Amino acid sequence: MDTAFRNTSAKKTKRLVLSFALLLLSISAFAQESTAKAATSSAFSNPLFLTLLSIIILLVIVIIVFADVIKAAAQNKVEQDKKKKENSNGLKCVVALIVFGVSANSVKAQEVVSVSHSANSYMGLNSFTFYLMLIIIAFEVFIIWMLYKMSMDLLGVEERRAKKAEEKAKMAIKEPSIIEKLNASVAIEKEEEIMTDHVYDGIRELDNNLPPWWKYGFYLTIVWSVIYMVHYHISNTGKLQTAEYEDQLLQAKIQMDEYRKKAANLVDENNATTLIDDASLISGKNLFMDNCAACHGRAGEGGVGPNLTDDYWLHSGGIKDIFKTIKYGYPEKGMKAWQQDLGAKQIHEVSSYIKSIYGTNPPNAKEKQGDLYKESGSSDSTKIAAGDSAQIVK
């Protein structure tokens, strides 16, 4: 690399960083004029502003580091003359100007941030300030990229890479496959190159690197953990498992209620079960008093019709049998069919009420009629329902 090229690189660096500093100063001045009448409050209470400001300052530090690298590389390459000294001092002044510009802009951003959550604000940060800081960050990234390219040129990294590539081509070195790159595996014939001095019972240890896929996967979990924490625990924009579970329970309850409304009249003598809730039993009792008490007595003790509280039944005493008897009736024995007068839900409620008054032993009970019936596998809930209904009858 000759002297002319090195001087040209130093001049490019100086012009690039100086342009960035002037841009920061001009943006700061424009921000001061355009937001003079805005409502002001302390920006340091706004987490978004603090985050963006931290990024800007961090990028400025990176720029300063790159500038020092370029300066050191240029000093090692160029002759010790007065021109080099002037370039070095100019670069220091430019870096100082950058810091001053960022500081002035940060202070001005602090003065113009509005805490009102209007349509043009972002988490309480004024939209102009938000976009201004984004522009500054983008330009800083561009400056860093340019300085990186210049430093690589000055340090001769690209030349060494090209030279190494040429050497590999001459030696006809085979490029590793994608699988080999992902695993960072070493061929068996080259294991001597990574063999360590550690020996355990005659076994020597290899100094293998961690597979890149494992390392990058681990880095990805770190990034995801930060996103997860912000999403679920800081901004509260996502629901945790408990909240999701509660929402699902609520939705299931709504769906179940809708289903029950639609399915209440789908019951028949083939799928009827004994209802034990108070609302169904009270409704069944009212229907029984209005339609059945005239023949079977108000307590089910029997009259014209048989006693409904003992163990003897003319047509069996299961819930499905009672449902069928009420629905279709036995006209030849004086029991009419109620399916034209009562809906399936009402027949179900009446049948469940009749099951609930079993064993209440009302006074003046009619003599036994029919065959002995015993409920097989009767549940405790049915007995409890019977006890509750006994209280209702009384």
Protein backbone atom coordinates (compact mmCIF):
# COMPACT_ATOMS: atom_id res chain seq x y z
CA MET A 1 0.00 0.00 0.00
CA ASP A 2 1.64 3.24 -1.12
CA THR A 3 1.65 6.63 0.59
CA ALA A 4 -0.93 8.16 -1.76
CA PHE A 5 -3.45 5.43 -1.00
CA ARG A 6 -2.92 5.76 2.74
CA ASN A 7 -3.36 9.53 2.62
CA THR A 8 -6.51 9.10 0.55
CA SER A 9 -7.99 6.67 3.11
CA ALA A 10 -7.23 9.05 5.97
CA LYS A 11 -8.88 11.91 4.10
CA LYS A 12 -11.97 9.78 3.37
CA THR A 13 -12.27 8.86 7.03
CA LYS A 14 -11.99 12.46 8.13
CA ARG A 15 -14.58 13.66 5.59
CA LEU A 16 -17.01 10.87 6.43
CA VAL A 17 -16.92 11.41 10.19
CA LEU A 18 -17.03 15.21 9.76
CA SER A 19 -20.13 14.90 7.58
CA PHE A 20 -21.80 12.79 10.27
CA ALA A 21 -20.98 15.37 12.94
CA LEU A 22 -22.36 18.23 10.84
CA LEU A 23 -25.52 16.22 10.17
CA LEU A 24 -26.07 15.69 13.90
CA LEU A 25 -25.62 19.41 14.60
CA SER A 26 -28.00 20.43 11.80
CA ILE A 27 -30.64 17.92 12.97
CA SER A 28 -30.33 19.21 16.51
CA ALA A 29 -30.81 22.81 15.36
CA PHE A 30 -33.81 21.84 13.27
CA ALA A 31 -35.33 19.94 16.18
CA GLN A 32 -34.93 23.01 18.41
CA GLU A 33 -36.75 25.29 15.96
CA SER A 34 -39.59 22.88 15.07
CA THR A 35 -40.51 21.87 18.62
CA ALA A 36 -40.08 25.16 20.51
CA LYS A 37 -43.79 25.27 21.35
CA ALA A 38 -44.19 21.61 22.32
CA ALA A 39 -45.09 20.52 25.87
CA THR A 40 -41.93 19.47 27.68
CA SER A 41 -41.16 16.97 30.45
CA SER A 42 -38.18 14.93 31.61
CA ALA A 43 -37.30 12.44 28.86
CA PHE A 44 -35.27 10.36 31.26
CA SER A 45 -38.50 8.96 32.68
CA ASN A 46 -39.36 7.48 29.26
CA PRO A 47 -37.88 3.96 28.78
CA LEU A 48 -38.03 4.18 24.96
CA PHE A 49 -36.05 7.42 24.93
CA LEU A 50 -33.46 6.00 27.34
CA THR A 51 -33.11 2.89 25.16
CA LEU A 52 -32.61 4.84 21.93
CA LEU A 53 -30.24 7.27 23.64
CA SER A 54 -28.18 4.38 25.00
CA ILE A 55 -27.94 2.90 21.51
CA ILE A 56 -26.82 6.24 20.07
CA ILE A 57 -24.14 6.68 22.73
CA LEU A 58 -22.97 3.07 22.30
CA LEU A 59 -22.66 3.54 18.54
CA VAL A 60 -20.73 6.77 19.08
CA ILE A 61 -18.28 4.83 21.25
CA VAL A 62 -17.93 2.24 18.48
CA ILE A 63 -17.28 5.03 15.97
CA ILE A 64 -14.60 6.49 18.24
CA VAL A 65 -12.95 3.07 18.58
CA PHE A 66 -12.95 2.55 14.81
CA ALA A 67 -11.58 6.05 14.31
CA ASP A 68 -8.73 5.27 16.69
CA VAL A 69 -8.05 2.00 14.86
CA ILE A 70 -7.91 3.78 11.52
CA LYS A 71 -5.72 6.50 12.98
CA ALA A 72 -3.31 3.95 14.45
CA ALA A 73 -3.20 2.01 11.20
CA ALA A 74 -2.52 5.17 9.25
CA GLN A 75 0.22 6.22 11.68
CA ASN A 76 1.94 2.87 11.23
CA LYS A 77 1.75 3.13 7.48
CA VAL A 78 2.57 6.75 6.65
CA GLU A 79 5.76 8.64 7.22
CA GLN A 80 6.25 10.85 10.27
CA ASP A 81 5.56 14.20 8.66
CA LYS A 82 3.57 17.28 9.42
CA LYS A 83 0.72 16.26 7.17
CA LYS A 84 0.08 13.09 9.18
CA LYS A 85 -0.02 15.12 12.39
CA GLU A 86 -2.58 17.48 10.93
CA ASN A 87 -4.77 14.56 9.85
CA SER A 88 -4.55 12.99 13.31
CA ASN A 89 -5.49 16.21 15.09
CA GLY A 90 -8.32 16.79 12.62
CA LEU A 91 -9.69 13.31 13.31
CA LYS A 92 -9.66 13.94 17.05
CA CYS A 93 -11.55 17.21 16.54
CA VAL A 94 -14.12 15.45 14.37
CA VAL A 95 -14.72 12.74 17.00
CA ALA A 96 -15.12 15.41 19.66
CA LEU A 97 -17.58 17.18 17.37
CA ILE A 98 -19.58 13.93 17.04
CA VAL A 99 -19.83 13.54 20.81
CA PHE A 100 -20.86 17.19 21.13
CA GLY A 101 -23.49 16.79 18.43
CA VAL A 102 -24.99 13.66 20.02
CA SER A 103 -24.98 15.29 23.45
CA ALA A 104 -26.63 18.45 22.15
CA ASN A 105 -29.22 16.41 20.31
CA SER A 106 -29.91 14.25 23.40
CA VAL A 107 -30.40 17.32 25.58
CA LYS A 108 -32.71 18.90 23.03
CA ALA A 109 -34.63 15.61 22.69
CA GLN A 110 -35.07 15.66 26.47
CA GLU A 111 -36.61 19.14 26.25
CA VAL A 112 -39.12 18.33 23.51
CA VAL A 113 -40.42 14.88 24.55
CA SER A 114 -44.14 15.02 25.21
CA VAL A 115 -45.68 12.70 27.79
CA SER A 116 -49.15 12.82 26.28
CA HIS A 117 -50.18 9.57 24.54
CA SER A 118 -51.49 11.17 21.35
CA ALA A 119 -51.88 9.53 17.99
CA ASN A 120 -48.36 10.78 17.04
CA SER A 121 -46.50 9.38 20.03
CA TYR A 122 -44.69 6.11 20.65
CA MET A 123 -44.85 4.89 24.26
CA GLY A 124 -45.05 8.52 25.36
CA LEU A 125 -42.18 9.66 23.09
CA ASN A 126 -42.82 12.49 20.63
CA SER A 127 -42.97 11.15 17.06
CA PHE A 128 -40.47 13.72 15.75
CA THR A 129 -37.96 12.82 18.45
CA PHE A 130 -38.55 9.12 17.85
CA TYR A 131 -37.86 9.32 14.11
CA LEU A 132 -34.99 11.75 14.66
CA MET A 133 -33.24 9.27 16.96
CA LEU A 134 -33.89 6.42 14.51
CA ILE A 135 -32.28 8.47 11.71
CA ILE A 136 -29.27 9.16 13.92
CA ILE A 137 -28.93 5.45 14.76
CA ALA A 138 -29.20 4.47 11.08
CA PHE A 139 -26.57 7.01 10.07
CA GLU A 140 -24.27 5.86 12.88
CA VAL A 141 -24.57 2.28 11.65
CA PHE A 142 -23.68 3.45 8.14
CA ILE A 143 -20.64 5.33 9.49
CA ILE A 144 -19.54 2.23 11.44
CA TRP A 145 -19.83 0.09 8.33
CA MET A 146 -17.77 2.56 6.28
CA LEU A 147 -15.14 2.82 9.02
CA TYR A 148 -15.03 -0.97 9.24
CA LYS A 149 -14.36 -1.25 5.51
CA MET A 150 -11.65 1.40 5.72
CA SER A 151 -9.99 -0.27 8.71
CA MET A 152 -10.00 -3.61 6.90
CA ASP A 153 -8.30 -1.95 3.93
CA LEU A 154 -5.70 -0.18 6.07
CA LEU A 155 -4.90 -3.30 8.08
CA GLY A 156 -4.58 -5.39 4.93
CA VAL A 157 -7.16 -7.96 6.03
CA GLU A 158 -8.70 -8.26 2.58
CA GLU A 159 -5.27 -8.72 1.02
CA ARG A 160 -4.44 -11.51 3.45
CA ARG A 161 -7.76 -13.19 2.80
CA ALA A 162 -7.19 -13.03 -0.94
CA LYS A 163 -3.67 -14.38 -0.52
CA LYS A 164 -4.90 -17.21 1.67
CA ALA A 165 -7.57 -18.07 -0.86
CA GLU A 166 -4.96 -18.22 -3.57
CA GLU A 167 -2.81 -20.52 -1.47
CA LYS A 168 -5.74 -22.82 -0.85
CA ALA A 169 -6.50 -22.90 -4.54
CA LYS A 170 -2.91 -23.81 -5.32
CA MET A 171 -2.90 -26.56 -2.73
CA ALA A 172 -6.26 -27.83 -4.03
CA ILE A 173 -7.74 -27.82 -0.53
CA LYS A 174 -11.22 -29.28 -0.57
CA GLU A 175 -13.89 -26.97 0.88
CA PRO A 176 -15.81 -28.54 3.79
CA SER A 177 -19.44 -29.49 3.22
CA ILE A 178 -22.36 -27.71 4.88
CA ILE A 179 -22.68 -30.52 7.45
CA GLU A 180 -18.98 -30.26 8.27
CA LYS A 181 -19.27 -26.50 8.66
CA LEU A 182 -22.28 -26.82 10.94
CA ASN A 183 -20.51 -29.40 13.10
CA ALA A 184 -17.02 -27.86 12.88
CA SER A 185 -15.77 -31.42 12.74
CA VAL A 186 -12.12 -32.31 12.20
CA ALA A 187 -11.11 -35.16 9.92
CA ILE A 188 -9.52 -38.16 11.59
CA GLU A 189 -6.27 -37.69 9.69
CA LYS A 190 -5.99 -34.17 11.14
CA GLU A 191 -6.77 -34.96 14.77
CA GLU A 192 -3.07 -34.69 15.65
CA GLU A 193 -3.37 -30.94 15.05
CA ILE A 194 -5.95 -30.53 17.84
CA MET A 195 -4.54 -33.11 20.22
CA THR A 196 -3.91 -31.76 23.76
CA ASP A 197 -1.26 -32.79 26.29
CA HIS A 198 -3.90 -34.16 28.67
CA VAL A 199 -3.66 -37.93 29.08
CA TYR A 200 -6.10 -39.99 31.17
CA ASP A 201 -5.39 -43.72 31.44
CA GLY A 202 -3.72 -43.63 28.07
CA ILE A 203 -6.55 -41.66 26.48
CA ARG A 204 -5.62 -38.28 25.01
CA GLU A 205 -8.06 -35.38 24.80
CA LEU A 206 -8.99 -33.50 21.64
CA ASP A 207 -9.49 -29.73 21.68
CA ASN A 208 -12.63 -29.69 19.50
CA ASN A 209 -14.68 -26.53 19.12
CA LEU A 210 -18.35 -26.38 19.93
CA PRO A 211 -20.48 -27.02 16.82
CA PRO A 212 -21.60 -23.70 15.27
CA TRP A 213 -25.21 -24.91 15.09
CA TRP A 214 -25.18 -25.42 18.86
CA LYS A 215 -23.60 -22.02 19.58
CA TYR A 216 -25.96 -20.11 17.31
CA GLY A 217 -28.91 -22.03 18.70
CA PHE A 218 -27.84 -21.00 22.19
CA TYR A 219 -27.51 -17.37 21.11
CA LEU A 220 -30.99 -17.58 19.61
CA THR A 221 -32.43 -18.78 22.92
CA ILE A 222 -30.86 -15.76 24.64
CA VAL A 223 -32.46 -13.39 22.13
CA TRP A 224 -35.78 -15.20 22.45
CA SER A 225 -35.66 -15.00 26.26
CA VAL A 226 -35.31 -11.21 26.06
CA ILE A 227 -38.21 -10.97 23.62
CA TYR A 228 -40.30 -13.28 25.82
CA MET A 229 -39.58 -11.26 28.97
CA VAL A 230 -40.47 -7.96 27.30
CA HIS A 231 -43.59 -9.38 25.65
CA TYR A 232 -45.05 -11.23 28.65
CA HIS A 233 -43.61 -9.57 31.76
CA ILE A 234 -42.68 -5.96 30.90
CA SER A 235 -45.07 -4.68 28.24
CA ASN A 236 -47.78 -7.24 29.21
CA THR A 237 -48.84 -7.53 25.57
CA GLY A 238 -49.08 -11.32 25.84
CA LYS A 239 -51.10 -13.56 28.12
CA LEU A 240 -49.40 -15.98 30.49
CA GLN A 241 -50.54 -19.59 30.83
CA THR A 242 -52.83 -18.85 33.77
CA ALA A 243 -54.61 -16.05 31.91
CA GLU A 244 -54.95 -18.20 28.78
CA TYR A 245 -56.35 -21.04 30.87
CA GLU A 246 -58.91 -18.78 32.53
CA ASP A 247 -59.97 -17.40 29.15
CA GLN A 248 -60.37 -20.92 27.81
CA LEU A 249 -62.50 -21.90 30.80
CA LEU A 250 -64.70 -18.86 30.29
CA GLN A 251 -65.04 -19.61 26.58
CA ALA A 252 -65.82 -23.26 27.33
CA LYS A 253 -68.53 -22.23 29.80
CA ILE A 254 -70.12 -19.95 27.20
CA GLN A 255 -70.01 -22.73 24.61
CA MET A 256 -71.45 -25.23 27.10
CA ASP A 257 -74.32 -22.91 27.96
CA GLU A 258 -75.09 -22.42 24.28
CA TYR A 259 -74.96 -26.17 23.72
CA ARG A 260 -77.28 -26.86 26.63
CA LYS A 261 -79.78 -24.36 25.28
CA LYS A 262 -79.76 -26.12 21.92
CA ALA A 263 -79.49 -29.70 23.23
CA ALA A 264 -82.06 -29.49 26.02
CA ASN A 265 -84.81 -30.81 23.72
CA LEU A 266 -82.64 -33.48 22.08
CA VAL A 267 -83.01 -35.85 25.04
CA ASP A 268 -85.20 -38.93 24.65
CA GLU A 269 -85.89 -42.29 26.30
CA ASN A 270 -82.59 -43.65 24.98
CA ASN A 271 -80.18 -41.14 26.50
CA ALA A 272 -82.05 -39.63 29.44
CA THR A 273 -80.17 -39.33 32.73
CA THR A 274 -81.39 -38.30 36.16
CA LEU A 275 -81.20 -34.53 36.68
CA ILE A 276 -80.16 -33.49 40.18
CA ASP A 277 -79.89 -29.70 39.98
CA ASP A 278 -82.42 -27.69 41.96
CA ALA A 279 -83.69 -25.69 38.97
CA SER A 280 -84.63 -28.84 37.01
CA LEU A 281 -86.24 -30.51 40.04
CA ILE A 282 -88.30 -27.43 40.93
CA SER A 283 -89.47 -27.14 37.32
CA GLY A 284 -90.28 -30.87 37.31
CA LYS A 285 -92.25 -30.52 40.55
CA ASN A 286 -94.33 -27.68 39.11
CA LEU A 287 -95.09 -29.69 35.98
CA PHE A 288 -95.98 -32.71 38.15
CA MET A 289 -98.40 -30.65 40.27
CA ASP A 290 -100.07 -29.21 37.17
CA ASN A 291 -100.37 -32.40 35.13
CA CYS A 292 -99.77 -35.53 37.23
CA ALA A 293 -100.94 -34.82 40.80
CA ALA A 294 -104.61 -35.35 39.89
CA CYS A 295 -103.99 -39.08 39.31
CA HIS A 296 -100.82 -39.80 41.33
CA GLY A 297 -101.36 -37.50 44.32
CA ARG A 298 -99.49 -34.32 45.21
CA ALA A 299 -96.80 -36.25 47.05
CA GLY A 300 -96.78 -39.11 44.53
CA GLU A 301 -98.62 -41.35 47.01
CA GLY A 302 -101.01 -42.58 44.28
CA GLY A 303 -104.71 -42.21 43.62
CA VAL A 304 -106.28 -43.20 40.37
CA GLY A 305 -102.73 -43.92 39.25
CA PRO A 306 -100.13 -46.03 41.10
CA ASN A 307 -97.88 -44.96 43.97
CA LEU A 308 -94.64 -43.45 42.61
CA THR A 309 -92.60 -43.52 45.82
CA ASP A 310 -92.21 -47.25 46.52
CA ASP A 311 -90.22 -50.07 44.90
CA TYR A 312 -93.05 -51.47 42.76
CA TRP A 313 -93.61 -50.32 39.20
CA LEU A 314 -96.01 -51.37 36.48
CA HIS A 315 -93.57 -50.53 33.67
CA SER A 316 -90.17 -50.51 35.44
CA GLY A 317 -88.76 -47.60 37.43
CA GLY A 318 -85.57 -46.51 35.67
CA ILE A 319 -85.22 -42.92 34.45
CA LYS A 320 -85.44 -44.06 30.81
CA ASP A 321 -88.49 -46.22 31.57
CA ILE A 322 -90.29 -43.35 33.33
CA PHE A 323 -89.39 -41.00 30.43
CA LYS A 324 -90.83 -43.51 27.94
CA THR A 325 -93.99 -44.02 29.99
CA ILE A 326 -94.69 -40.28 30.21
CA LYS A 327 -93.83 -39.67 26.56
CA TYR A 328 -95.89 -42.46 24.92
CA GLY A 329 -98.28 -43.36 27.75
CA TYR A 330 -100.40 -46.51 28.14
CA PRO A 331 -103.88 -45.44 26.97
CA GLU A 332 -105.32 -48.92 27.58
CA LYS A 333 -104.48 -48.46 31.30
CA GLY A 334 -105.59 -44.85 31.53
CA MET A 335 -102.12 -43.24 31.11
CA LYS A 336 -102.21 -40.76 28.23
CA ALA A 337 -99.23 -39.89 26.03
CA TRP A 338 -97.79 -36.50 27.01
CA GLN A 339 -95.45 -35.92 24.07
CA GLN A 340 -97.97 -33.59 22.44
CA ASP A 341 -98.40 -31.51 25.62
CA LEU A 342 -94.87 -31.48 27.02
CA GLY A 343 -91.52 -30.99 25.33
CA ALA A 344 -88.60 -33.38 25.72
CA LYS A 345 -86.96 -31.11 28.29
CA GLN A 346 -90.16 -30.93 30.38
CA ILE A 347 -90.64 -34.71 30.25
CA HIS A 348 -87.03 -35.08 31.35
CA GLU A 349 -87.60 -32.75 34.32
CA VAL A 350 -90.80 -34.52 35.38
CA SER A 351 -89.10 -37.92 35.14
CA SER A 352 -86.20 -36.71 37.26
CA TYR A 353 -88.58 -35.28 39.86
CA ILE A 354 -90.43 -38.60 40.08
CA LYS A 355 -87.08 -40.36 40.64
CA SER A 356 -86.27 -37.84 43.38
CA ILE A 357 -89.38 -38.63 45.47
CA TYR A 358 -88.50 -42.33 45.73
CA GLY A 359 -88.56 -43.57 49.31
CA THR A 360 -90.26 -40.48 50.80
CA ASN A 361 -93.06 -42.64 52.23
CA PRO A 362 -95.86 -40.05 52.06
CA PRO A 363 -99.01 -40.57 54.18
CA ASN A 364 -101.98 -42.43 52.71
CA ALA A 365 -99.74 -44.19 50.21
CA LYS A 366 -101.55 -46.53 47.80
CA GLU A 367 -100.94 -50.27 47.99
CA LYS A 368 -98.20 -51.84 45.95
CA GLN A 369 -98.81 -52.38 42.23
CA GLY A 370 -96.65 -54.02 39.60
CA ASP A 371 -93.29 -55.72 40.00
CA LEU A 372 -90.47 -55.05 42.44
CA TYR A 373 -87.80 -52.81 40.91
CA LYS A 374 -84.35 -52.13 42.33
CA GLU A 375 -82.07 -49.51 40.83
CA SER A 376 -78.78 -51.15 39.92
CA GLY A 377 -75.69 -49.05 40.71
CA SER A 378 -77.67 -46.11 42.03
CA SER A 379 -75.33 -43.25 42.73
CA ASP A 380 -75.05 -41.17 45.85
CA SER A 381 -76.04 -38.14 43.84
CA THR A 382 -79.45 -39.74 43.15
CA LYS A 383 -79.98 -40.40 46.85
CA ILE A 384 -78.97 -36.84 47.67
CA ALA A 385 -81.34 -35.57 45.03
CA ALA A 386 -84.08 -37.66 46.55
CA GLY A 387 -83.42 -36.16 49.96
CA ASP A 388 -83.49 -32.63 48.57
CA SER A 389 -86.72 -33.31 46.75
CA ALA A 390 -88.27 -34.68 49.89
CA GLN A 391 -87.71 -31.29 51.42
CA ILE A 392 -89.26 -29.69 48.33
CA VAL A 393 -92.38 -31.89 48.61
CA LYS A 394 -92.84 -31.04 52.25
